[in-house]
């Protein structure tokens, strides 16, 4: 693709576009954290639910923090067809650029093929705690409730979508070995 800027002809090389997308993805990926992970594996077939709290640093004076509660539902098809070969993300991203960036990189990973990921945010509240204080309070609450299936994620507000996607992606990757083992035990793989 040629661009003209101030009488100088420039060339945009697709390689650099790919490099820039990957750099932006990596930057966002590293800006988010899973402050309280879970060790819950995903089902090999059907639907798995991943509840979470997302603590967002609004990066405003006064250090306000937003806590969002939600759940990612991951569906693996029982029958794989050409139509469900690419991963599908619902309610993850606020704009097409973020969605395209994630789709571009994750579709190249076999663990994400044939998945449908749906994010549902249920509630949001603003607290005056710091991110660390909010995480500590949520952790104590979940421990008191004996809740071991709810994760706590943290991110700058602009990377909220990426935090939820990273959580789901890490659960998919960590479950892949057990899922493959189950497929072998059921006779679907050699």
N, C-alpha and C. Protein backbone atom coordinates (compact mmCIF):
# COMPACT_ATOMS: atom_id res chain seq x y z
N UNK A 1 0.85 -1.17 0.00
CA UNK A 1 0.00 0.00 0.00
C UNK A 1 0.89 1.23 0.00
N UNK A 2 0.66 2.16 -0.90
CA UNK A 2 1.45 3.39 -0.98
C UNK A 2 0.73 4.52 -0.28
N UNK A 3 1.51 5.35 0.41
CA UNK A 3 0.97 6.54 1.03
C UNK A 3 1.85 7.71 0.60
N UNK A 4 1.23 8.87 0.41
CA UNK A 4 1.99 10.07 0.08
C UNK A 4 1.92 11.02 1.26
N UNK A 5 3.06 11.44 1.75
CA UNK A 5 3.10 12.38 2.87
C UNK A 5 4.09 13.48 2.53
N UNK A 6 3.58 14.67 2.38
CA UNK A 6 4.43 15.83 2.12
C UNK A 6 5.31 15.68 0.90
N UNK A 7 4.82 15.06 -0.15
CA UNK A 7 5.60 14.91 -1.37
C UNK A 7 6.56 13.73 -1.34
N UNK A 8 6.64 13.03 -0.21
CA UNK A 8 7.53 11.86 -0.11
C UNK A 8 6.66 10.62 -0.16
N UNK A 9 7.04 9.69 -1.02
CA UNK A 9 6.27 8.46 -1.15
C UNK A 9 6.77 7.45 -0.11
N UNK A 10 5.85 6.91 0.68
CA UNK A 10 6.19 5.92 1.69
C UNK A 10 5.49 4.62 1.35
N UNK A 11 6.06 3.53 1.77
CA UNK A 11 5.45 2.23 1.56
C UNK A 11 5.13 1.62 2.92
N UNK A 12 3.89 1.13 3.07
CA UNK A 12 3.51 0.40 4.28
C UNK A 12 3.68 -1.07 3.97
N UNK A 13 4.54 -1.71 4.70
CA UNK A 13 4.81 -3.12 4.50
C UNK A 13 3.97 -3.91 5.49
N UNK A 14 3.21 -4.92 5.04
CA UNK A 14 2.36 -5.70 5.94
C UNK A 14 3.13 -6.28 7.13
N UNK A 15 4.39 -6.62 6.94
CA UNK A 15 5.20 -7.17 8.02
C UNK A 15 5.22 -6.22 9.22
N UNK A 16 5.37 -4.92 8.95
CA UNK A 16 5.43 -3.95 10.03
C UNK A 16 4.07 -3.80 10.70
N UNK A 17 2.98 -3.92 9.94
CA UNK A 17 1.65 -3.89 10.53
C UNK A 17 1.49 -5.06 11.50
N UNK A 18 1.94 -6.24 11.09
CA UNK A 18 1.88 -7.43 11.93
C UNK A 18 2.72 -7.23 13.18
N UNK A 19 3.91 -6.70 13.01
CA UNK A 19 4.80 -6.45 14.14
C UNK A 19 4.16 -5.47 15.12
N UNK A 20 3.55 -4.41 14.61
CA UNK A 20 2.91 -3.41 15.47
C UNK A 20 1.73 -4.02 16.22
N UNK A 21 0.93 -4.83 15.56
CA UNK A 21 -0.20 -5.50 16.22
C UNK A 21 0.31 -6.39 17.36
N UNK A 22 1.34 -7.15 17.06
CA UNK A 22 1.88 -8.05 18.08
C UNK A 22 2.47 -7.26 19.24
N UNK A 23 3.15 -6.15 18.96
CA UNK A 23 3.73 -5.32 20.02
C UNK A 23 2.63 -4.75 20.91
N UNK A 24 1.54 -4.24 20.31
CA UNK A 24 0.44 -3.67 21.08
C UNK A 24 -0.27 -4.75 21.91
N UNK A 25 -0.43 -5.92 21.32
CA UNK A 25 -1.05 -7.04 22.03
C UNK A 25 -0.19 -7.42 23.24
N UNK A 26 1.10 -7.54 23.04
CA UNK A 26 2.02 -7.92 24.13
C UNK A 26 2.01 -6.87 25.23
N UNK A 27 1.99 -5.60 24.87
CA UNK A 27 1.94 -4.50 25.84
C UNK A 27 0.68 -4.59 26.70
N UNK A 28 -0.45 -4.81 26.07
CA UNK A 28 -1.71 -4.94 26.80
C UNK A 28 -1.71 -6.20 27.66
N UNK A 29 -1.22 -7.29 27.12
CA UNK A 29 -1.19 -8.58 27.82
C UNK A 29 -0.38 -8.47 29.12
N UNK A 30 0.74 -7.75 29.05
CA UNK A 30 1.62 -7.62 30.21
C UNK A 30 1.10 -6.59 31.22
N UNK A 31 0.19 -5.73 30.82
CA UNK A 31 -0.35 -4.71 31.73
C UNK A 31 -1.43 -5.26 32.66
N UNK A 32 -1.93 -6.45 32.36
CA UNK A 32 -2.99 -7.03 33.18
C UNK A 32 -2.43 -8.17 34.03
N UNK A 33 -3.11 -8.47 35.12
CA UNK A 33 -2.66 -9.53 36.02
C UNK A 33 -3.83 -10.39 36.46
N UNK A 34 -3.52 -11.61 36.77
CA UNK A 34 -4.47 -12.49 37.43
C UNK A 34 -3.99 -12.57 38.87
N UNK A 35 -4.61 -11.74 39.71
CA UNK A 35 -4.16 -11.59 41.10
C UNK A 35 -4.52 -12.80 41.96
N UNK A 36 -5.61 -13.44 41.62
CA UNK A 36 -6.03 -14.65 42.35
C UNK A 36 -6.47 -15.68 41.32
N UNK A 37 -5.54 -16.55 40.93
CA UNK A 37 -5.89 -17.56 39.92
C UNK A 37 -6.73 -18.69 40.51
N UNK A 38 -7.31 -19.47 39.65
CA UNK A 38 -8.06 -20.66 40.05
C UNK A 38 -7.44 -21.85 39.34
N UNK A 39 -7.66 -23.03 39.88
CA UNK A 39 -7.09 -24.23 39.25
C UNK A 39 -8.17 -25.11 38.65
N UNK A 40 -9.28 -24.52 38.36
CA UNK A 40 -10.44 -25.20 37.79
C UNK A 40 -10.21 -25.48 36.31
N UNK A 41 -10.30 -26.75 35.90
CA UNK A 41 -10.12 -27.10 34.50
C UNK A 41 -11.39 -26.95 33.70
N UNK A 42 -11.23 -26.78 32.41
CA UNK A 42 -12.38 -26.63 31.51
C UNK A 42 -12.83 -28.01 31.03
N UNK A 43 -14.11 -28.12 30.76
CA UNK A 43 -14.64 -29.36 30.22
C UNK A 43 -14.12 -29.58 28.81
N UNK A 44 -13.90 -30.83 28.45
CA UNK A 44 -13.42 -31.16 27.12
C UNK A 44 -14.49 -30.88 26.07
N UNK A 45 -15.73 -31.19 26.39
CA UNK A 45 -16.86 -30.93 25.50
C UNK A 45 -17.86 -30.06 26.25
N UNK A 46 -18.65 -29.32 25.50
CA UNK A 46 -19.71 -28.54 26.13
C UNK A 46 -19.25 -27.21 26.67
N UNK A 47 -19.84 -26.80 27.79
CA UNK A 47 -19.71 -25.44 28.29
C UNK A 47 -19.02 -25.40 29.65
N UNK A 48 -18.11 -24.44 29.83
CA UNK A 48 -17.45 -24.18 31.11
C UNK A 48 -17.65 -22.72 31.47
N UNK A 49 -17.87 -22.45 32.76
CA UNK A 49 -18.07 -21.09 33.24
C UNK A 49 -16.88 -20.65 34.08
N UNK A 50 -16.42 -19.44 33.82
CA UNK A 50 -15.27 -18.88 34.54
C UNK A 50 -15.69 -17.56 35.20
N UNK A 51 -16.18 -17.59 36.43
CA UNK A 51 -16.56 -16.35 37.11
C UNK A 51 -15.31 -15.56 37.54
N UNK A 52 -15.44 -14.25 37.59
CA UNK A 52 -14.30 -13.40 37.95
C UNK A 52 -14.76 -12.08 38.55
N UNK A 53 -13.83 -11.45 39.26
CA UNK A 53 -13.91 -10.04 39.64
C UNK A 53 -12.78 -9.35 38.89
N UNK A 54 -13.06 -8.22 38.29
CA UNK A 54 -12.06 -7.44 37.58
C UNK A 54 -11.90 -6.11 38.31
N UNK A 55 -10.69 -5.88 38.83
CA UNK A 55 -10.39 -4.65 39.55
C UNK A 55 -9.67 -3.72 38.57
N UNK A 56 -10.32 -2.60 38.26
CA UNK A 56 -9.80 -1.68 37.26
C UNK A 56 -9.25 -0.42 37.91
N UNK A 57 -8.01 -0.11 37.59
CA UNK A 57 -7.40 1.13 38.04
C UNK A 57 -7.81 2.21 37.06
N UNK A 58 -8.62 3.15 37.54
CA UNK A 58 -9.13 4.20 36.66
C UNK A 58 -8.07 5.25 36.36
N UNK A 59 -6.93 5.18 37.05
CA UNK A 59 -5.80 6.08 36.85
C UNK A 59 -6.24 7.53 36.87
N UNK A 60 -7.02 7.86 37.91
CA UNK A 60 -7.50 9.22 38.11
C UNK A 60 -6.99 9.71 39.46
N UNK A 61 -6.96 11.00 39.65
CA UNK A 61 -6.61 11.53 40.97
C UNK A 61 -7.56 10.97 42.03
N UNK A 62 -7.04 10.68 43.19
CA UNK A 62 -7.87 10.10 44.24
C UNK A 62 -7.88 8.59 44.19
N UNK A 63 -7.22 8.01 43.21
CA UNK A 63 -7.06 6.57 43.07
C UNK A 63 -8.36 5.79 43.21
N UNK A 64 -9.38 6.20 42.47
CA UNK A 64 -10.62 5.42 42.49
C UNK A 64 -10.40 4.13 41.74
N UNK A 65 -11.09 3.11 42.17
CA UNK A 65 -10.97 1.78 41.58
C UNK A 65 -12.38 1.30 41.27
N UNK A 66 -12.55 0.68 40.13
CA UNK A 66 -13.82 0.09 39.76
C UNK A 66 -13.70 -1.42 39.85
N UNK A 67 -14.69 -2.05 40.47
CA UNK A 67 -14.72 -3.51 40.57
C UNK A 67 -15.89 -3.99 39.74
N UNK A 68 -15.60 -4.85 38.79
CA UNK A 68 -16.62 -5.39 37.89
C UNK A 68 -16.71 -6.90 38.13
N UNK A 69 -17.90 -7.40 38.27
CA UNK A 69 -18.10 -8.84 38.42
C UNK A 69 -18.61 -9.39 37.10
N UNK A 70 -18.12 -10.54 36.72
CA UNK A 70 -18.57 -11.12 35.47
C UNK A 70 -18.28 -12.59 35.36
N UNK A 71 -18.54 -13.11 34.18
CA UNK A 71 -18.32 -14.53 33.92
C UNK A 71 -18.07 -14.73 32.43
N UNK A 72 -17.09 -15.56 32.14
CA UNK A 72 -16.82 -15.98 30.77
C UNK A 72 -17.36 -17.38 30.62
N UNK A 73 -18.14 -17.59 29.57
CA UNK A 73 -18.63 -18.92 29.25
C UNK A 73 -17.89 -19.39 28.01
N UNK A 74 -17.24 -20.53 28.13
CA UNK A 74 -16.47 -21.09 27.02
C UNK A 74 -17.20 -22.34 26.55
N UNK A 75 -17.55 -22.34 25.27
CA UNK A 75 -18.26 -23.46 24.69
C UNK A 75 -17.38 -24.14 23.66
N UNK A 76 -17.22 -25.43 23.83
CA UNK A 76 -16.51 -26.24 22.84
C UNK A 76 -17.55 -27.06 22.10
N UNK A 77 -17.49 -27.04 20.79
CA UNK A 77 -18.51 -27.77 20.02
C UNK A 77 -18.36 -29.28 20.16
N UNK A 78 -19.49 -29.98 20.09
CA UNK A 78 -19.45 -31.43 20.11
C UNK A 78 -19.06 -31.97 18.74
N UNK A 79 -19.40 -31.20 17.71
CA UNK A 79 -19.03 -31.57 16.34
C UNK A 79 -18.28 -30.40 15.74
N UNK A 80 -17.11 -30.66 15.18
CA UNK A 80 -16.30 -29.60 14.58
C UNK A 80 -16.60 -29.52 13.10
N UNK A 81 -16.96 -28.31 12.66
CA UNK A 81 -17.26 -28.07 11.25
C UNK A 81 -16.39 -26.91 10.76
N UNK A 82 -16.31 -26.69 9.44
CA UNK A 82 -15.54 -25.55 8.94
C UNK A 82 -16.06 -24.21 9.46
N UNK A 83 -17.35 -24.12 9.77
CA UNK A 83 -17.92 -22.87 10.25
C UNK A 83 -17.46 -22.50 11.65
N UNK A 84 -17.07 -23.47 12.48
CA UNK A 84 -16.66 -23.15 13.84
C UNK A 84 -15.16 -23.36 14.04
N UNK A 85 -14.38 -23.23 12.98
CA UNK A 85 -12.94 -23.45 13.06
C UNK A 85 -12.19 -22.32 13.75
N UNK A 86 -12.67 -21.10 13.64
CA UNK A 86 -12.01 -19.95 14.25
C UNK A 86 -12.62 -19.66 15.62
N UNK A 87 -11.83 -19.17 16.58
CA UNK A 87 -12.43 -18.80 17.87
C UNK A 87 -13.38 -17.63 17.69
N UNK A 88 -14.40 -17.58 18.53
CA UNK A 88 -15.40 -16.52 18.46
C UNK A 88 -15.49 -15.85 19.82
N UNK A 89 -15.34 -14.52 19.85
CA UNK A 89 -15.40 -13.75 21.08
C UNK A 89 -16.66 -12.90 21.09
N UNK A 90 -17.49 -13.04 22.13
CA UNK A 90 -18.70 -12.22 22.26
C UNK A 90 -18.59 -11.38 23.53
N UNK A 91 -18.85 -10.09 23.40
CA UNK A 91 -18.87 -9.14 24.52
C UNK A 91 -17.52 -9.00 25.23
N UNK A 92 -16.45 -9.12 24.48
CA UNK A 92 -15.13 -8.95 25.07
C UNK A 92 -14.56 -7.57 24.82
N UNK A 93 -14.75 -7.05 23.62
CA UNK A 93 -14.03 -5.86 23.20
C UNK A 93 -14.96 -4.70 22.90
N UNK A 94 -14.45 -3.50 23.19
CA UNK A 94 -15.23 -2.29 22.96
C UNK A 94 -15.13 -1.78 21.53
N UNK A 95 -14.08 -2.21 20.81
CA UNK A 95 -13.94 -1.73 19.43
C UNK A 95 -13.38 -2.84 18.55
N UNK A 96 -13.53 -2.64 17.26
CA UNK A 96 -13.11 -3.64 16.27
C UNK A 96 -11.60 -3.85 16.24
N UNK A 97 -10.84 -2.79 16.53
CA UNK A 97 -9.38 -2.91 16.50
C UNK A 97 -8.90 -3.91 17.55
N UNK A 98 -9.41 -3.78 18.79
CA UNK A 98 -9.03 -4.73 19.85
C UNK A 98 -9.45 -6.14 19.48
N UNK A 99 -10.67 -6.30 18.99
CA UNK A 99 -11.17 -7.61 18.62
C UNK A 99 -10.33 -8.23 17.51
N UNK A 100 -10.00 -7.43 16.52
CA UNK A 100 -9.18 -7.93 15.42
C UNK A 100 -7.79 -8.34 15.86
N UNK A 101 -7.23 -7.58 16.77
CA UNK A 101 -5.90 -7.88 17.30
C UNK A 101 -5.90 -9.22 18.02
N UNK A 102 -6.86 -9.43 18.89
CA UNK A 102 -6.95 -10.69 19.62
C UNK A 102 -7.24 -11.86 18.68
N UNK A 103 -8.18 -11.66 17.79
CA UNK A 103 -8.55 -12.71 16.83
C UNK A 103 -7.34 -13.11 15.99
N UNK A 104 -6.59 -12.12 15.54
CA UNK A 104 -5.41 -12.34 14.70
C UNK A 104 -4.39 -13.24 15.40
N UNK A 105 -4.11 -12.95 16.65
CA UNK A 105 -3.06 -13.70 17.35
C UNK A 105 -3.55 -15.03 17.91
N UNK A 106 -4.73 -15.06 18.50
CA UNK A 106 -5.20 -16.29 19.12
C UNK A 106 -5.69 -17.33 18.13
N UNK A 107 -6.10 -16.91 16.95
CA UNK A 107 -6.56 -17.88 15.97
C UNK A 107 -5.41 -18.73 15.45
N UNK A 108 -4.18 -18.32 15.71
CA UNK A 108 -3.02 -19.09 15.28
C UNK A 108 -2.59 -20.12 16.33
N UNK A 109 -3.35 -20.24 17.40
CA UNK A 109 -3.04 -21.19 18.46
C UNK A 109 -4.08 -22.30 18.42
N UNK A 110 -3.63 -23.53 18.28
CA UNK A 110 -4.56 -24.66 18.15
C UNK A 110 -5.50 -24.78 19.34
N UNK A 111 -5.07 -24.40 20.52
CA UNK A 111 -5.92 -24.52 21.71
C UNK A 111 -7.19 -23.70 21.61
N UNK A 112 -7.21 -22.67 20.78
CA UNK A 112 -8.36 -21.79 20.68
C UNK A 112 -9.26 -22.10 19.50
N UNK A 113 -8.82 -22.99 18.64
CA UNK A 113 -9.66 -23.35 17.51
C UNK A 113 -10.97 -23.92 18.01
N UNK A 114 -12.03 -23.62 17.34
CA UNK A 114 -13.35 -24.21 17.60
C UNK A 114 -13.99 -23.73 18.90
N UNK A 115 -13.48 -22.69 19.53
CA UNK A 115 -14.06 -22.21 20.79
C UNK A 115 -14.98 -21.03 20.56
N UNK A 116 -16.00 -20.96 21.40
CA UNK A 116 -16.86 -19.79 21.45
C UNK A 116 -16.74 -19.26 22.87
N UNK A 117 -16.30 -18.01 23.00
CA UNK A 117 -16.12 -17.38 24.31
C UNK A 117 -17.10 -16.23 24.44
N UNK A 118 -17.88 -16.25 25.49
CA UNK A 118 -18.90 -15.22 25.73
C UNK A 118 -18.65 -14.60 27.09
N UNK A 119 -18.51 -13.29 27.14
CA UNK A 119 -18.27 -12.57 28.38
C UNK A 119 -19.54 -11.85 28.82
N UNK A 120 -19.89 -12.00 30.09
CA UNK A 120 -21.04 -11.31 30.65
C UNK A 120 -20.59 -10.57 31.91
N UNK A 121 -20.69 -9.25 31.90
CA UNK A 121 -20.40 -8.45 33.09
C UNK A 121 -21.73 -8.21 33.81
N UNK A 122 -21.76 -8.51 35.11
CA UNK A 122 -23.02 -8.43 35.85
C UNK A 122 -23.16 -7.18 36.71
N UNK A 123 -22.09 -6.67 37.19
CA UNK A 123 -22.23 -5.51 38.06
C UNK A 123 -20.92 -4.77 38.17
N UNK A 124 -21.02 -3.50 38.55
CA UNK A 124 -19.83 -2.67 38.66
C UNK A 124 -20.03 -1.70 39.82
N UNK A 125 -18.98 -1.51 40.58
CA UNK A 125 -19.05 -0.54 41.67
C UNK A 125 -17.72 0.19 41.77
N UNK A 126 -17.77 1.41 42.27
CA UNK A 126 -16.57 2.23 42.43
C UNK A 126 -16.23 2.27 43.91
N UNK A 127 -14.96 2.03 44.23
CA UNK A 127 -14.49 2.08 45.62
C UNK A 127 -13.31 3.02 45.71
N UNK A 128 -13.03 3.50 46.90
CA UNK A 128 -11.92 4.44 47.07
C UNK A 128 -10.61 3.74 47.44
N UNK A 129 -10.63 2.42 47.48
CA UNK A 129 -9.43 1.66 47.80
C UNK A 129 -8.43 1.73 46.65
N UNK A 130 -7.20 1.35 46.95
CA UNK A 130 -6.22 1.16 45.89
C UNK A 130 -6.50 -0.21 45.27
N UNK A 131 -5.87 -0.52 44.16
CA UNK A 131 -6.04 -1.82 43.51
C UNK A 131 -5.65 -2.92 44.49
N UNK A 132 -4.53 -2.74 45.17
CA UNK A 132 -4.04 -3.76 46.11
C UNK A 132 -5.03 -4.00 47.25
N UNK A 133 -5.60 -2.90 47.80
CA UNK A 133 -6.57 -3.04 48.89
C UNK A 133 -7.84 -3.74 48.40
N UNK A 134 -8.29 -3.39 47.21
CA UNK A 134 -9.49 -4.01 46.65
C UNK A 134 -9.28 -5.51 46.44
N UNK A 135 -8.11 -5.87 45.93
CA UNK A 135 -7.79 -7.29 45.72
C UNK A 135 -7.75 -8.02 47.05
N UNK A 136 -7.13 -7.43 48.05
CA UNK A 136 -7.04 -8.06 49.37
C UNK A 136 -8.44 -8.27 49.97
N UNK A 137 -9.31 -7.28 49.88
CA UNK A 137 -10.67 -7.40 50.41
C UNK A 137 -11.46 -8.49 49.68
N UNK A 138 -11.36 -8.50 48.35
CA UNK A 138 -12.07 -9.53 47.58
C UNK A 138 -11.54 -10.92 47.91
N UNK A 139 -10.22 -11.05 48.05
CA UNK A 139 -9.62 -12.35 48.40
C UNK A 139 -10.13 -12.83 49.75
N UNK A 140 -10.17 -11.94 50.74
CA UNK A 140 -10.68 -12.32 52.07
C UNK A 140 -12.15 -12.74 51.98
N UNK A 141 -12.93 -12.00 51.19
CA UNK A 141 -14.35 -12.33 51.02
C UNK A 141 -14.51 -13.71 50.40
N UNK A 142 -13.77 -13.99 49.34
CA UNK A 142 -13.87 -15.29 48.66
C UNK A 142 -13.38 -16.42 49.56
N UNK A 143 -12.32 -16.17 50.33
CA UNK A 143 -11.83 -17.19 51.27
C UNK A 143 -12.87 -17.48 52.34
N UNK A 144 -13.52 -16.43 52.87
CA UNK A 144 -14.54 -16.60 53.90
C UNK A 144 -15.73 -17.39 53.35
N UNK A 145 -16.02 -17.23 52.06
CA UNK A 145 -17.13 -17.95 51.42
C UNK A 145 -16.71 -19.33 50.93
N UNK A 146 -15.45 -19.70 51.15
CA UNK A 146 -14.89 -20.97 50.65
C UNK A 146 -15.05 -21.10 49.14
N UNK A 147 -14.91 -20.00 48.45
CA UNK A 147 -15.09 -19.94 47.00
C UNK A 147 -13.73 -20.11 46.32
N UNK A 148 -13.57 -21.20 45.58
CA UNK A 148 -12.29 -21.44 44.92
C UNK A 148 -12.38 -21.43 43.39
N UNK A 149 -13.53 -21.03 42.86
CA UNK A 149 -13.71 -21.01 41.41
C UNK A 149 -13.83 -19.60 40.84
N UNK A 150 -13.62 -18.58 41.67
CA UNK A 150 -13.74 -17.19 41.21
C UNK A 150 -12.35 -16.57 41.21
N UNK A 151 -11.94 -16.06 40.08
CA UNK A 151 -10.63 -15.42 39.95
C UNK A 151 -10.76 -13.92 40.21
N UNK A 152 -9.62 -13.30 40.53
CA UNK A 152 -9.56 -11.84 40.65
C UNK A 152 -8.52 -11.37 39.64
N UNK A 153 -8.93 -10.46 38.77
CA UNK A 153 -8.08 -9.92 37.73
C UNK A 153 -7.86 -8.44 38.01
N UNK A 154 -6.72 -7.90 37.57
CA UNK A 154 -6.48 -6.46 37.69
C UNK A 154 -5.97 -5.93 36.35
N UNK A 155 -6.29 -4.66 36.09
CA UNK A 155 -5.85 -4.03 34.84
C UNK A 155 -6.07 -2.54 34.91
N UNK A 156 -5.28 -1.79 34.14
CA UNK A 156 -5.65 -0.39 33.90
C UNK A 156 -6.99 -0.41 33.14
N UNK A 157 -7.82 0.59 33.35
CA UNK A 157 -9.16 0.61 32.75
C UNK A 157 -9.15 0.40 31.24
N UNK A 158 -8.14 0.95 30.55
CA UNK A 158 -8.13 0.82 29.09
C UNK A 158 -7.88 -0.61 28.62
N UNK A 159 -7.42 -1.50 29.52
CA UNK A 159 -7.17 -2.89 29.15
C UNK A 159 -8.14 -3.86 29.82
N UNK A 160 -9.32 -3.39 30.17
CA UNK A 160 -10.31 -4.24 30.82
C UNK A 160 -10.62 -5.48 29.98
N UNK A 161 -10.85 -5.29 28.70
CA UNK A 161 -11.17 -6.41 27.81
C UNK A 161 -10.03 -7.40 27.74
N UNK A 162 -8.82 -6.88 27.70
CA UNK A 162 -7.65 -7.75 27.60
C UNK A 162 -7.48 -8.59 28.87
N UNK A 163 -7.82 -8.04 30.03
CA UNK A 163 -7.70 -8.79 31.28
C UNK A 163 -8.61 -10.02 31.26
N UNK A 164 -9.84 -9.82 30.82
CA UNK A 164 -10.79 -10.93 30.77
C UNK A 164 -10.35 -11.95 29.73
N UNK A 165 -9.87 -11.46 28.60
CA UNK A 165 -9.41 -12.39 27.57
C UNK A 165 -8.20 -13.18 28.05
N UNK A 166 -7.26 -12.52 28.74
CA UNK A 166 -6.08 -13.23 29.23
C UNK A 166 -6.49 -14.32 30.22
N UNK A 167 -7.42 -14.00 31.10
CA UNK A 167 -7.89 -14.99 32.07
C UNK A 167 -8.46 -16.21 31.34
N UNK A 168 -9.34 -15.98 30.38
CA UNK A 168 -9.93 -17.08 29.62
C UNK A 168 -8.86 -17.86 28.86
N UNK A 169 -7.93 -17.13 28.23
CA UNK A 169 -6.87 -17.78 27.44
C UNK A 169 -6.00 -18.67 28.32
N UNK A 170 -5.64 -18.19 29.49
CA UNK A 170 -4.80 -19.00 30.37
C UNK A 170 -5.53 -20.23 30.87
N UNK A 171 -6.83 -20.12 31.11
CA UNK A 171 -7.60 -21.30 31.53
C UNK A 171 -7.67 -22.31 30.39
N UNK A 172 -7.84 -21.84 29.16
CA UNK A 172 -7.88 -22.73 28.00
C UNK A 172 -6.54 -23.45 27.85
N UNK A 173 -5.45 -22.70 27.91
CA UNK A 173 -4.13 -23.30 27.73
C UNK A 173 -3.79 -24.28 28.84
N UNK A 174 -4.14 -23.95 30.08
CA UNK A 174 -3.83 -24.85 31.19
C UNK A 174 -4.70 -26.10 31.17
N UNK A 175 -5.85 -26.04 30.57
CA UNK A 175 -6.74 -27.19 30.50
C UNK A 175 -6.45 -28.09 29.30
N UNK A 176 -5.69 -27.60 28.34
CA UNK A 176 -5.48 -28.32 27.09
C UNK A 176 -4.92 -29.72 27.31
N UNK A 177 -3.94 -29.87 28.18
CA UNK A 177 -3.32 -31.19 28.41
C UNK A 177 -4.35 -32.18 28.94
N UNK A 178 -5.12 -31.78 29.94
CA UNK A 178 -6.14 -32.67 30.51
C UNK A 178 -7.22 -33.00 29.49
N UNK A 179 -7.57 -32.03 28.65
CA UNK A 179 -8.58 -32.27 27.63
C UNK A 179 -8.09 -33.27 26.58
N UNK A 180 -6.83 -33.16 26.19
CA UNK A 180 -6.26 -34.10 25.23
C UNK A 180 -6.20 -35.49 25.83
N UNK A 181 -5.82 -35.58 27.10
CA UNK A 181 -5.79 -36.88 27.79
C UNK A 181 -7.18 -37.51 27.81
N UNK A 182 -8.20 -36.71 28.09
CA UNK A 182 -9.57 -37.23 28.10
C UNK A 182 -9.98 -37.71 26.72
N UNK A 183 -9.62 -36.96 25.68
CA UNK A 183 -9.95 -37.39 24.31
C UNK A 183 -9.28 -38.73 23.98
N UNK A 184 -8.04 -38.92 24.42
CA UNK A 184 -7.35 -40.20 24.20
C UNK A 184 -8.05 -41.33 24.94
N UNK A 185 -8.41 -41.07 26.20
CA UNK A 185 -9.08 -42.09 27.01
C UNK A 185 -10.41 -42.50 26.40
N UNK A 186 -11.09 -41.58 25.74
CA UNK A 186 -12.38 -41.89 25.12
C UNK A 186 -12.22 -42.48 23.71
N UNK A 187 -10.98 -42.59 23.24
CA UNK A 187 -10.72 -43.20 21.95
C UNK A 187 -10.83 -42.26 20.76
N UNK A 188 -10.87 -40.94 20.99
CA UNK A 188 -10.95 -39.98 19.90
C UNK A 188 -9.59 -39.66 19.30
N UNK A 189 -8.53 -39.90 20.04
CA UNK A 189 -7.16 -39.64 19.56
C UNK A 189 -6.32 -40.90 19.74
N UNK A 190 -5.29 -41.05 18.89
CA UNK A 190 -4.43 -42.24 19.05
C UNK A 190 -3.60 -42.17 20.31
